[in-house]
Amino acid sequence: MNWTGVMPAITTCFDVNLDVDHEFIAKHCRWLLENGCTGIVPLGSLGEGATLSFDEKLQVLRTCVNAASGRAPVVASISALSTSEATTLAKAAADAGCDALMVLPPYVYQGDWREMKTHVTAVFRATPLACMLYNNPVAYGTDFLPEQIQELAAENENFESVKESSTDVRRVAAIRALVGDRLEVFVGVDDAIVEGVGVGATGWIAGLANALPRESVELFNYAIECERDKAFEIYRWFLPLLRMDTVPEFVQLIKLVQTEVGMGTPRVRPPRLQLAGEKLQQIQKTIREALRTRQQLVNGNAVPAK
C-alpha cells in the first residue's frame, strides 16, 4: 500500500429520499481520481458512517471499489459500537475488494489505553490488509499518544499509517521522532496541511478535496516539494474553506461547497440537518467569494465551477 498524496474522506451522497445515491458516488470517485487524488476513503466521519447500516456500508464500499477499478486504493473506514461489529466490517471490506482499512476507536465508549489497544489491535488483525489508525481526540474523545502509536507499530506489522487529527501538528513530529519511517503520517484536519507537511507528514486525508480536488492536490504537492511561495499563495486563498473541515457542521459545510461547484447536493441524514437562514447565507457568501477567485490562484489549472 502506497500511503502518500491526497486521499479524500469522501462524503456520502443521498437522493431525495435520503437513500444512498450510488450512481453519484461512483461518478464522484472517478472525478476525484481524474483530478489527481491518490486514494478514496469512504465511510468516515465526513461520510456520515454512523448513520449508515451495515449493509449500506458494504454497498458503498463495493461502489467505490468498482469506480476506482484498480487505479487507486480504496481505504475503508472501520467504525462501530462494538469490537465484534468492527472486525466483522473489516473482514467484509476485505472481501469487497478494499485495499486498506482506516481504523477508528469505537463509537461512544471512551475507554482507557488497555481497552482501546485491544479494540484497534483486533481490527488490525482481522485481515491482512494494510491499516491506518485514525486519531481524532477532538471528535471521539480517545487520544492515541505518540508512545502508544509506537507500541502498536511494534506489535502489528500491517499497521502502516496514522491519520493525525489532534489539530496539533507537533504530534506529527513526535510520532516521526519515535518511529522514524516505520509509519506514514497523514494530516487529518484540512487547515493544518502545510504545517503538517513541514514537520514530516507524507499524506492528507482531505475534506475539501471532495469539492476542490485539483486545488487540494496542487497545495499538497507544492508543500511536499518545498515550493513555499506557491504553496502559501493557494493556502491563503483556501483557508476560509479549509477551516470548514474543523467545526461540528463540517459535513453540511463541505457538502455545500460541493453543491456550489456542481459536484453534489447539500442533503444530510438526521440528526444532521441542512443549514438554513442567515447562517446558510453567510456560508454561501464565503464559498462563492472563494470560488470567484479560484482560477487565479492555480494558474488556470483548476477545474472550473459549474
C-alpha atoms as a PDB file:
ATOM      1  CA  MET A   1       0.000   0.000   0.000  1.00  0.00           C
ATOM      2  CA  ASN A   2       1.411   3.365  -1.057  1.00  0.00           C
ATOM      3  CA  TRP A   3       0.446   5.767   1.716  1.00  0.00           C
ATOM      4  CA  THR A   4       1.039   9.143   0.132  1.00  0.00           C
ATOM      5  CA  GLY A   5      -0.729  12.039  -1.516  1.00  0.00           C
ATOM      6  CA  VAL A   6      -4.253  13.410  -1.172  1.00  0.00           C
ATOM      7  CA  MET A   7      -6.873  10.823  -0.246  1.00  0.00           C
ATOM      8  CA  PRO A   8     -10.310  12.394   0.236  1.00  0.00           C
ATOM      9  CA  ALA A   9     -12.514  11.151   3.029  1.00  0.00           C
ATOM     10  CA  ILE A  10     -15.490  11.124   0.727  1.00  0.00           C
ATOM     11  CA  THR A  11     -18.963  12.346   1.557  1.00  0.00           C
ATOM     12  CA  THR A  12     -21.916  10.012   1.105  1.00  0.00           C
ATOM     13  CA  CYS A  13     -24.445  11.422  -1.343  1.00  0.00           C
ATOM     14  CA  PHE A  14     -28.146  10.851  -0.659  1.00  0.00           C
ATOM     15  CA  ASP A  15     -31.087  11.091  -3.011  1.00  0.00           C
ATOM     16  CA  VAL A  16     -34.326  12.968  -2.281  1.00  0.00           C
ATOM     17  CA  ASN A  17     -35.479  10.076  -0.076  1.00  0.00           C
ATOM     18  CA  LEU A  18     -32.158  10.105   1.813  1.00  0.00           C
ATOM     19  CA  ASP A  19     -31.200   6.751   0.342  1.00  0.00           C
ATOM     20  CA  VAL A  20     -27.587   6.315  -0.725  1.00  0.00           C
ATOM     21  CA  ASP A  21     -27.028   7.587  -4.271  1.00  0.00           C
ATOM     22  CA  HIS A  22     -24.586   5.003  -5.625  1.00  0.00           C
ATOM     23  CA  GLU A  23     -24.572   6.394  -9.146  1.00  0.00           C
ATOM     24  CA  PHE A  24     -23.318   9.719  -7.864  1.00  0.00           C
ATOM     25  CA  ILE A  25     -20.768   8.135  -5.504  1.00  0.00           C
ATOM     26  CA  ALA A  26     -19.227   6.265  -8.433  1.00  0.00           C
ATOM     27  CA  LYS A  27     -19.116   9.441 -10.522  1.00  0.00           C
ATOM     28  CA  HIS A  28     -17.596  11.369  -7.632  1.00  0.00           C
ATOM     29  CA  CYS A  29     -14.862   8.772  -7.052  1.00  0.00           C
ATOM     30  CA  ARG A  30     -13.860   8.787 -10.714  1.00  0.00           C
ATOM     31  CA  TRP A  31     -13.779  12.610 -10.755  1.00  0.00           C
ATOM     32  CA  LEU A  32     -11.554  12.756  -7.680  1.00  0.00           C
ATOM     33  CA  LEU A  33      -9.058  10.322  -9.178  1.00  0.00           C
ATOM     34  CA  GLU A  34      -9.084  12.128 -12.527  1.00  0.00           C
ATOM     35  CA  ASN A  35      -8.104  15.280 -10.643  1.00  0.00           C
ATOM     36  CA  GLY A  36      -5.031  13.763  -9.038  1.00  0.00           C
ATOM     37  CA  CYS A  37      -6.213  12.225  -5.775  1.00  0.00           C
ATOM     38  CA  THR A  38      -4.274   9.099  -4.810  1.00  0.00           C
ATOM     39  CA  GLY A  39      -6.960   7.151  -2.976  1.00  0.00           C
ATOM     40  CA  ILE A  40     -10.569   7.063  -1.799  1.00  0.00           C
ATOM     41  CA  VAL A  41     -11.586   6.824   1.874  1.00  0.00           C
ATOM     42  CA  PRO A  42     -15.311   6.077   2.314  1.00  0.00           C
ATOM     43  CA  LEU A  43     -17.468   5.696   5.454  1.00  0.00           C
ATOM     44  CA  GLY A  44     -15.575   8.079   7.724  1.00  0.00           C
ATOM     45  CA  SER A  45     -16.967  10.895   9.843  1.00  0.00           C
ATOM     46  CA  LEU A  46     -17.391  13.041   6.749  1.00  0.00           C
ATOM     47  CA  GLY A  47     -19.075  10.096   5.052  1.00  0.00           C
ATOM     48  CA  GLU A  48     -21.721  10.005   7.794  1.00  0.00           C
ATOM     49  CA  GLY A  49     -20.757   6.429   8.538  1.00  0.00           C
ATOM     50  CA  ALA A  50     -22.594   6.489  11.854  1.00  0.00           C
ATOM     51  CA  THR A  51     -25.912   6.912  10.020  1.00  0.00           C
ATOM     52  CA  LEU A  52     -25.367   4.024   7.598  1.00  0.00           C
ATOM     53  CA  SER A  53     -26.487   0.468   8.226  1.00  0.00           C
ATOM     54  CA  PHE A  54     -24.007  -2.379   7.911  1.00  0.00           C
ATOM     55  CA  ASP A  55     -25.453  -3.383   4.536  1.00  0.00           C
ATOM     56  CA  GLU A  56     -25.352   0.197   3.292  1.00  0.00           C
ATOM     57  CA  LYS A  57     -21.699   0.442   4.269  1.00  0.00           C
ATOM     58  CA  LEU A  58     -20.868  -2.706   2.324  1.00  0.00           C
ATOM     59  CA  GLN A  59     -22.642  -1.473  -0.777  1.00  0.00           C
ATOM     60  CA  VAL A  60     -20.837   1.881  -0.602  1.00  0.00           C
ATOM     61  CA  LEU A  61     -17.528   0.030  -0.408  1.00  0.00           C
ATOM     62  CA  ARG A  62     -18.421  -2.105  -3.432  1.00  0.00           C
ATOM     63  CA  THR A  63     -19.431   1.008  -5.366  1.00  0.00           C
ATOM     64  CA  CYS A  64     -16.122   2.704  -4.578  1.00  0.00           C
ATOM     65  CA  VAL A  65     -14.058  -0.360  -5.464  1.00  0.00           C
ATOM     66  CA  ASN A  66     -15.842  -0.689  -8.804  1.00  0.00           C
ATOM     67  CA  ALA A  67     -15.443   3.008  -9.534  1.00  0.00           C
ATOM     68  CA  ALA A  68     -11.734   3.025  -8.674  1.00  0.00           C
ATOM     69  CA  SER A  69     -11.181  -0.015 -10.930  1.00  0.00           C
ATOM     70  CA  GLY A  70      -7.709  -0.592  -9.530  1.00  0.00           C
ATOM     71  CA  ARG A  71      -6.455   2.904 -10.439  1.00  0.00           C
ATOM     72  CA  ALA A  72      -6.081   3.877  -6.786  1.00  0.00           C
ATOM     73  CA  PRO A  73      -6.644   2.234  -3.400  1.00  0.00           C
ATOM     74  CA  VAL A  74      -9.950   2.248  -1.571  1.00  0.00           C
ATOM     75  CA  VAL A  75      -9.383   2.609   2.173  1.00  0.00           C
ATOM     76  CA  ALA A  76     -12.458   1.530   4.138  1.00  0.00           C
ATOM     77  CA  SER A  77     -13.171   3.397   7.365  1.00  0.00           C
ATOM     78  CA  ILE A  78     -13.936   0.895  10.127  1.00  0.00           C
ATOM     79  CA  SER A  79     -16.021   2.179  13.000  1.00  0.00           C
ATOM     80  CA  ALA A  80     -18.661   0.566  15.180  1.00  0.00           C
ATOM     81  CA  LEU A  81     -20.122   0.454  18.657  1.00  0.00           C
ATOM     82  CA  SER A  82     -18.555  -2.924  19.380  1.00  0.00           C
ATOM     83  CA  THR A  83     -15.264  -4.626  18.605  1.00  0.00           C
ATOM     84  CA  SER A  84     -17.189  -7.571  17.179  1.00  0.00           C
ATOM     85  CA  GLU A  85     -19.012  -5.433  14.631  1.00  0.00           C
ATOM     86  CA  ALA A  86     -15.808  -3.580  13.741  1.00  0.00           C
ATOM     87  CA  THR A  87     -13.905  -6.784  12.998  1.00  0.00           C
ATOM     88  CA  THR A  88     -16.844  -8.152  11.010  1.00  0.00           C
ATOM     89  CA  LEU A  89     -16.921  -4.963   8.926  1.00  0.00           C
ATOM     90  CA  ALA A  90     -13.158  -5.160   8.398  1.00  0.00           C
ATOM     91  CA  LYS A  91     -13.448  -8.685   7.027  1.00  0.00           C
ATOM     92  CA  ALA A  92     -16.359  -7.684   4.821  1.00  0.00           C
ATOM     93  CA  ALA A  93     -14.358  -4.731   3.485  1.00  0.00           C
ATOM     94  CA  ALA A  94     -11.537  -7.072   2.535  1.00  0.00           C
ATOM     95  CA  ASP A  95     -13.993  -9.402   0.802  1.00  0.00           C
ATOM     96  CA  ALA A  96     -15.451  -6.409  -1.070  1.00  0.00           C
ATOM     97  CA  GLY A  97     -12.043  -5.691  -2.603  1.00  0.00           C
ATOM     98  CA  CYS A  98     -10.845  -2.783  -0.463  1.00  0.00           C
ATOM     99  CA  ASP A  99      -7.103  -2.235  -0.412  1.00  0.00           C
ATOM    100  CA  ALA A 100      -6.670  -0.982   3.152  1.00  0.00           C
ATOM    101  CA  LEU A 101      -8.513  -0.004   6.318  1.00  0.00           C
ATOM    102  CA  MET A 102      -8.720   3.195   8.338  1.00  0.00           C
ATOM    103  CA  VAL A 103      -9.414   2.064  11.905  1.00  0.00           C
ATOM    104  CA  LEU A 104     -11.355   4.300  14.296  1.00  0.00           C
ATOM    105  CA  PRO A 105     -11.866   3.890  18.036  1.00  0.00           C
ATOM    106  CA  PRO A 106     -15.320   2.596  18.982  1.00  0.00           C
ATOM    107  CA  TYR A 107     -18.233   4.988  18.862  1.00  0.00           C
ATOM    108  CA  VAL A 108     -19.438   6.433  22.172  1.00  0.00           C
ATOM    109  CA  TYR A 109     -17.252   4.459  24.601  1.00  0.00           C
ATOM    110  CA  GLN A 110     -14.080   6.286  25.598  1.00  0.00           C
ATOM    111  CA  GLY A 111     -12.037   3.525  27.160  1.00  0.00           C
ATOM    112  CA  ASP A 112      -8.578   3.503  28.688  1.00  0.00           C
ATOM    113  CA  TRP A 113      -5.420   2.585  26.797  1.00  0.00           C
ATOM    114  CA  ARG A 114      -5.712  -1.146  27.532  1.00  0.00           C
ATOM    115  CA  GLU A 115      -9.228  -1.233  26.104  1.00  0.00           C
ATOM    116  CA  MET A 116      -8.509   0.952  23.083  1.00  0.00           C
ATOM    117  CA  LYS A 117      -5.345  -1.010  22.290  1.00  0.00           C
ATOM    118  CA  THR A 118      -7.319  -4.250  22.418  1.00  0.00           C
ATOM    119  CA  HIS A 119     -10.026  -2.839  20.156  1.00  0.00           C
ATOM    120  CA  VAL A 120      -7.825  -1.462  17.385  1.00  0.00           C
ATOM    121  CA  THR A 121      -5.476  -4.443  17.531  1.00  0.00           C
ATOM    122  CA  ALA A 122      -8.427  -6.770  16.965  1.00  0.00           C
ATOM    123  CA  VAL A 123      -9.372  -4.796  13.857  1.00  0.00           C
ATOM    124  CA  PHE A 124      -5.765  -4.694  12.607  1.00  0.00           C
ATOM    125  CA  ARG A 125      -5.538  -8.469  12.945  1.00  0.00           C
ATOM    126  CA  ALA A 126      -8.960  -9.240  11.462  1.00  0.00           C
ATOM    127  CA  THR A 127      -7.490  -9.124   7.938  1.00  0.00           C
ATOM    128  CA  PRO A 128      -4.051  -8.942   6.308  1.00  0.00           C
ATOM    129  CA  LEU A 129      -4.916  -5.541   4.792  1.00  0.00           C
ATOM    130  CA  ALA A 130      -2.686  -2.544   5.481  1.00  0.00           C
ATOM    131  CA  CYS A 131      -4.148  -0.360   8.211  1.00  0.00           C
ATOM    132  CA  MET A 132      -4.225   3.313   9.134  1.00  0.00           C
ATOM    133  CA  LEU A 133      -5.064   4.382  12.683  1.00  0.00           C
ATOM    134  CA  TYR A 134      -7.403   7.365  12.894  1.00  0.00           C
ATOM    135  CA  ASN A 135      -6.518   9.552  15.865  1.00  0.00           C
ATOM    136  CA  ASN A 136      -9.141  12.242  16.440  1.00  0.00           C
ATOM    137  CA  PRO A 137      -9.445  13.037  20.146  1.00  0.00           C
ATOM    138  CA  VAL A 138     -11.487  16.165  19.404  1.00  0.00           C
ATOM    139  CA  ALA A 139     -14.327  14.181  17.814  1.00  0.00           C
ATOM    140  CA  TYR A 140     -14.054  10.802  19.523  1.00  0.00           C
ATOM    141  CA  GLY A 141     -12.587  11.574  22.935  1.00  0.00           C
ATOM    142  CA  THR A 142      -9.937   8.887  22.570  1.00  0.00           C
ATOM    143  CA  ASP A 143      -6.382  10.134  22.166  1.00  0.00           C
ATOM    144  CA  PHE A 144      -3.724   7.754  20.864  1.00  0.00           C
ATOM    145  CA  LEU A 145      -0.492   9.265  22.173  1.00  0.00           C
ATOM    146  CA  PRO A 146       2.743   9.001  20.155  1.00  0.00           C
ATOM    147  CA  GLU A 147       4.162   6.454  22.615  1.00  0.00           C
ATOM    148  CA  GLN A 148       1.043   4.322  22.273  1.00  0.00           C
ATOM    149  CA  ILE A 149       1.227   4.550  18.494  1.00  0.00           C
ATOM    150  CA  GLN A 150       4.834   3.352  18.721  1.00  0.00           C
ATOM    151  CA  GLU A 151       3.688   0.375  20.820  1.00  0.00           C
ATOM    152  CA  LEU A 152       1.006  -0.550  18.287  1.00  0.00           C
ATOM    153  CA  ALA A 153       3.517  -0.297  15.439  1.00  0.00           C
ATOM    154  CA  ALA A 154       5.925  -2.656  17.212  1.00  0.00           C
ATOM    155  CA  GLU A 155       3.218  -5.299  17.634  1.00  0.00           C
ATOM    156  CA  ASN A 156       1.276  -5.086  14.347  1.00  0.00           C
ATOM    157  CA  GLU A 157       3.132  -5.459  11.079  1.00  0.00           C
ATOM    158  CA  ASN A 158       0.190  -4.366   8.923  1.00  0.00           C
ATOM    159  CA  PHE A 159      -0.236  -1.128  10.885  1.00  0.00           C
ATOM    160  CA  GLU A 160       1.347   1.225   8.369  1.00  0.00           C
ATOM    161  CA  SER A 161      -0.062   4.725   8.735  1.00  0.00           C
ATOM    162  CA  VAL A 162      -1.644   7.261  11.083  1.00  0.00           C
ATOM    163  CA  LYS A 163      -4.275   9.870  10.335  1.00  0.00           C
ATOM    164  CA  GLU A 164      -3.362  12.538  12.876  1.00  0.00           C
ATOM    165  CA  SER A 165      -6.335  14.789  13.611  1.00  0.00           C
ATOM    166  CA  SER A 166      -5.476  16.086  17.074  1.00  0.00           C
ATOM    167  CA  THR A 167      -5.136  19.575  15.467  1.00  0.00           C
ATOM    168  CA  ASP A 168      -1.616  19.795  16.975  1.00  0.00           C
ATOM    169  CA  VAL A 169       0.995  19.454  14.234  1.00  0.00           C
ATOM    170  CA  ARG A 170       3.606  18.824  16.921  1.00  0.00           C
ATOM    171  CA  ARG A 171       2.100  15.350  17.123  1.00  0.00           C
ATOM    172  CA  VAL A 172       3.333  14.643  13.598  1.00  0.00           C
ATOM    173  CA  ALA A 173       6.891  15.486  14.634  1.00  0.00           C
ATOM    174  CA  ALA A 174       6.527  13.495  17.859  1.00  0.00           C
ATOM    175  CA  ILE A 175       5.393  10.376  16.002  1.00  0.00           C
ATOM    176  CA  ARG A 176       8.222  10.762  13.497  1.00  0.00           C
ATOM    177  CA  ALA A 177      10.752  11.101  16.342  1.00  0.00           C
ATOM    178  CA  LEU A 178       9.614   7.788  17.842  1.00  0.00           C
ATOM    179  CA  VAL A 179       9.003   5.603  14.790  1.00  0.00           C
ATOM    180  CA  GLY A 180      11.049   7.232  12.034  1.00  0.00           C
ATOM    181  CA  ASP A 181       9.886   5.892   8.684  1.00  0.00           C
ATOM    182  CA  ARG A 182       8.116   2.878  10.185  1.00  0.00           C
ATOM    183  CA  LEU A 183       4.752   4.646   9.750  1.00  0.00           C
ATOM    184  CA  GLU A 184       3.490   7.186   7.263  1.00  0.00           C
ATOM    185  CA  VAL A 185       1.716  10.119   8.887  1.00  0.00           C
ATOM    186  CA  PHE A 186      -1.260  11.821   7.255  1.00  0.00           C
ATOM    187  CA  VAL A 187      -2.728  15.159   8.257  1.00  0.00           C
ATOM    188  CA  GLY A 188      -6.422  14.761   9.046  1.00  0.00           C
ATOM    189  CA  VAL A 189      -7.511  18.367   9.529  1.00  0.00           C
ATOM    190  CA  ASP A 190      -7.575  20.494   6.415  1.00  0.00           C
ATOM    191  CA  ASP A 191      -6.297  23.761   7.859  1.00  0.00           C
ATOM    192  CA  ALA A 192      -3.057  22.210   9.122  1.00  0.00           C
ATOM    193  CA  ILE A 193      -1.834  20.581   5.925  1.00  0.00           C
ATOM    194  CA  VAL A 194       1.060  22.900   5.091  1.00  0.00           C
ATOM    195  CA  GLU A 195       2.297  22.922   8.693  1.00  0.00           C
ATOM    196  CA  GLY A 196       1.895  19.148   8.926  1.00  0.00           C
ATOM    197  CA  VAL A 197       3.915  18.501   5.790  1.00  0.00           C
ATOM    198  CA  GLY A 198       6.565  20.830   7.154  1.00  0.00           C
ATOM    199  CA  VAL A 199       7.151  18.546  10.150  1.00  0.00           C
ATOM    200  CA  GLY A 200       7.045  15.228   8.352  1.00  0.00           C
ATOM    201  CA  ALA A 201       3.559  14.314   7.110  1.00  0.00           C
ATOM    202  CA  THR A 202       3.511  12.466   3.795  1.00  0.00           C
ATOM    203  CA  GLY A 203      -0.191  12.484   3.049  1.00  0.00           C
ATOM    204  CA  TRP A 204      -3.530  14.188   3.590  1.00  0.00           C
ATOM    205  CA  ILE A 205      -6.905  12.645   4.363  1.00  0.00           C
ATOM    206  CA  ALA A 206      -8.700  15.655   2.968  1.00  0.00           C
ATOM    207  CA  GLY A 207     -12.206  17.053   3.345  1.00  0.00           C
ATOM    208  CA  LEU A 208     -12.470  19.986   0.951  1.00  0.00           C
ATOM    209  CA  ALA A 209     -10.913  17.813  -1.747  1.00  0.00           C
ATOM    210  CA  ASN A 210     -14.450  16.454  -2.168  1.00  0.00           C
ATOM    211  CA  ALA A 211     -15.285  19.728  -3.920  1.00  0.00           C
ATOM    212  CA  LEU A 212     -11.875  21.101  -4.911  1.00  0.00           C
ATOM    213  CA  PRO A 213      -9.577  18.169  -5.648  1.00  0.00           C
ATOM    214  CA  ARG A 214      -7.272  19.941  -8.086  1.00  0.00           C
ATOM    215  CA  GLU A 215      -6.566  22.783  -5.684  1.00  0.00           C
ATOM    216  CA  SER A 216      -6.030  20.295  -2.855  1.00  0.00           C
ATOM    217  CA  VAL A 217      -3.572  18.244  -4.891  1.00  0.00           C
ATOM    218  CA  GLU A 218      -1.664  21.315  -6.016  1.00  0.00           C
ATOM    219  CA  LEU A 219      -1.463  22.666  -2.476  1.00  0.00           C
ATOM    220  CA  PHE A 220      -0.186  19.342  -1.162  1.00  0.00           C
ATOM    221  CA  ASN A 221       2.348  18.919  -3.947  1.00  0.00           C
ATOM    222  CA  TYR A 222       3.738  22.429  -3.516  1.00  0.00           C
ATOM    223  CA  ALA A 223       4.084  21.807   0.225  1.00  0.00           C
ATOM    224  CA  ILE A 224       5.856  18.460  -0.303  1.00  0.00           C
ATOM    225  CA  GLU A 225       8.164  19.959  -2.923  1.00  0.00           C
ATOM    226  CA  CYS A 226       9.029  22.878  -0.580  1.00  0.00           C
ATOM    227  CA  GLU A 227       7.753  25.455  -3.062  1.00  0.00           C
ATOM    228  CA  ARG A 228       6.841  27.811  -0.267  1.00  0.00           C
ATOM    229  CA  ASP A 229       5.583  30.805  -2.225  1.00  0.00           C
ATOM    230  CA  LYS A 230       3.309  28.740  -4.458  1.00  0.00           C
ATOM    231  CA  ALA A 231       2.004  26.733  -1.502  1.00  0.00           C
ATOM    232  CA  PHE A 232       1.160  29.788   0.556  1.00  0.00           C
ATOM    233  CA  GLU A 233      -0.475  31.543  -2.385  1.00  0.00           C
ATOM    234  CA  ILE A 234      -3.015  28.738  -2.595  1.00  0.00           C
ATOM    235  CA  TYR A 235      -3.157  28.251   1.174  1.00  0.00           C
ATOM    236  CA  ARG A 236      -4.094  31.848   1.921  1.00  0.00           C
ATOM    237  CA  TRP A 237      -6.904  31.670  -0.613  1.00  0.00           C
ATOM    238  CA  PHE A 238      -8.047  28.220   0.528  1.00  0.00           C
ATOM    239  CA  LEU A 239      -8.051  28.756   4.309  1.00  0.00           C
ATOM    240  CA  PRO A 240     -11.611  30.117   4.687  1.00  0.00           C
ATOM    241  CA  LEU A 241     -12.843  26.893   3.081  1.00  0.00           C
ATOM    242  CA  LEU A 242     -10.323  24.557   4.740  1.00  0.00           C
ATOM    243  CA  ARG A 243     -11.431  25.803   8.152  1.00  0.00           C
ATOM    244  CA  MET A 244     -14.905  24.449   7.407  1.00  0.00           C
ATOM    245  CA  ASP A 245     -13.423  20.976   7.965  1.00  0.00           C
ATOM    246  CA  THR A 246     -12.820  21.652  11.662  1.00  0.00           C
ATOM    247  CA  VAL A 247     -16.255  22.525  13.086  1.00  0.00           C
ATOM    248  CA  PRO A 248     -19.198  20.307  14.159  1.00  0.00           C
ATOM    249  CA  GLU A 249     -21.171  21.126  10.992  1.00  0.00           C
ATOM    250  CA  PHE A 250     -18.270  20.182   8.713  1.00  0.00           C
ATOM    251  CA  VAL A 251     -20.359  17.653   6.789  1.00  0.00           C
ATOM    252  CA  GLN A 252     -23.023  20.214   5.920  1.00  0.00           C
ATOM    253  CA  LEU A 253     -20.400  22.817   5.030  1.00  0.00           C
ATOM    254  CA  ILE A 254     -18.334  20.596   2.759  1.00  0.00           C
ATOM    255  CA  LYS A 255     -21.467  19.353   1.018  1.00  0.00           C
ATOM    256  CA  LEU A 256     -22.434  22.990   0.417  1.00  0.00           C
ATOM    257  CA  VAL A 257     -19.091  23.607  -1.279  1.00  0.00           C
ATOM    258  CA  GLN A 258     -19.691  20.505  -3.405  1.00  0.00           C
ATOM    259  CA  THR A 259     -23.112  21.885  -4.328  1.00  0.00           C
ATOM    260  CA  GLU A 260     -21.623  25.221  -5.384  1.00  0.00           C
ATOM    261  CA  VAL A 261     -19.118  23.543  -7.738  1.00  0.00           C
ATOM    262  CA  GLY A 262     -21.801  21.273  -9.213  1.00  0.00           C
ATOM    263  CA  MET A 263     -20.493  18.050  -7.678  1.00  0.00           C
ATOM    264  CA  GLY A 264     -23.023  17.050  -5.041  1.00  0.00           C
ATOM    265  CA  THR A 265     -26.047  18.137  -3.040  1.00  0.00           C
ATOM    266  CA  PRO A 266     -26.473  19.564   0.481  1.00  0.00           C
ATOM    267  CA  ARG A 267     -28.563  16.605   1.674  1.00  0.00           C
ATOM    268  CA  VAL A 268     -27.508  15.024   5.001  1.00  0.00           C
ATOM    269  CA  ARG A 269     -29.058  12.373   7.201  1.00  0.00           C
ATOM    270  CA  PRO A 270     -30.593  13.321  10.556  1.00  0.00           C
ATOM    271  CA  PRO A 271     -29.704  14.091  13.225  1.00  0.00           C
ATOM    272  CA  ARG A 272     -27.729  16.422  10.947  1.00  0.00           C
ATOM    273  CA  LEU A 273     -29.906  18.964   9.178  1.00  0.00           C
ATOM    274  CA  GLN A 274     -29.136  21.220   6.255  1.00  0.00           C
ATOM    275  CA  LEU A 275     -28.113  24.746   7.173  1.00  0.00           C
ATOM    276  CA  ALA A 276     -30.792  27.402   6.868  1.00  0.00           C
ATOM    277  CA  GLY A 277     -31.483  31.088   7.286  1.00  0.00           C
ATOM    278  CA  GLU A 278     -28.787  33.663   7.970  1.00  0.00           C
ATOM    279  CA  LYS A 279     -26.162  31.044   8.719  1.00  0.00           C
ATOM    280  CA  LEU A 280     -26.657  29.447   5.316  1.00  0.00           C
ATOM    281  CA  GLN A 281     -26.462  32.818   3.603  1.00  0.00           C
ATOM    282  CA  GLN A 282     -23.206  33.709   5.367  1.00  0.00           C
ATOM    283  CA  ILE A 283     -21.607  30.392   4.448  1.00  0.00           C
ATOM    284  CA  GLN A 284     -22.731  30.649   0.828  1.00  0.00           C
ATOM    285  CA  LYS A 285     -21.227  34.133   0.640  1.00  0.00           C
ATOM    286  CA  THR A 286     -17.866  32.829   1.878  1.00  0.00           C
ATOM    287  CA  ILE A 287     -17.928  29.909  -0.550  1.00  0.00           C
ATOM    288  CA  ARG A 288     -18.925  31.990  -3.551  1.00  0.00           C
ATOM    289  CA  GLU A 289     -16.282  34.618  -2.870  1.00  0.00           C
ATOM    290  CA  ALA A 290     -13.607  31.923  -2.750  1.00  0.00           C
ATOM    291  CA  LEU A 291     -14.837  30.298  -5.942  1.00  0.00           C
ATOM    292  CA  ARG A 292     -14.943  33.652  -7.703  1.00  0.00           C
ATOM    293  CA  THR A 293     -11.144  33.911  -7.441  1.00  0.00           C
ATOM    294  CA  ARG A 294     -10.144  30.229  -7.563  1.00  0.00           C
ATOM    295  CA  GLN A 295      -8.562  30.087 -11.045  1.00  0.00           C
ATOM    296  CA  GLN A 296      -6.223  32.990 -10.366  1.00  0.00           C
ATOM    297  CA  LEU A 297      -4.561  31.003  -7.619  1.00  0.00           C
ATOM    298  CA  VAL A 298      -3.834  27.806  -9.524  1.00  0.00           C
ATOM    299  CA  ASN A 299      -2.541  29.326 -12.727  1.00  0.00           C
ATOM    300  CA  GLY A 300      -5.526  28.222 -14.791  1.00  0.00           C
ATOM    301  CA  ASN A 301      -5.232  24.555 -13.826  1.00  0.00           C
ATOM    302  CA  ALA A 302      -8.328  24.346 -11.671  1.00  0.00           C
ATOM    303  CA  VAL A 303     -11.478  22.616 -12.808  1.00  0.00           C
ATOM    304  CA  PRO A 304     -13.976  25.469 -13.299  1.00  0.00           C
ATOM    305  CA  ALA A 305     -17.042  25.640 -11.094  1.00  0.00           C
ATOM    306  CA  LYS A 306     -20.163  24.655 -12.990  1.00  0.00           C
END
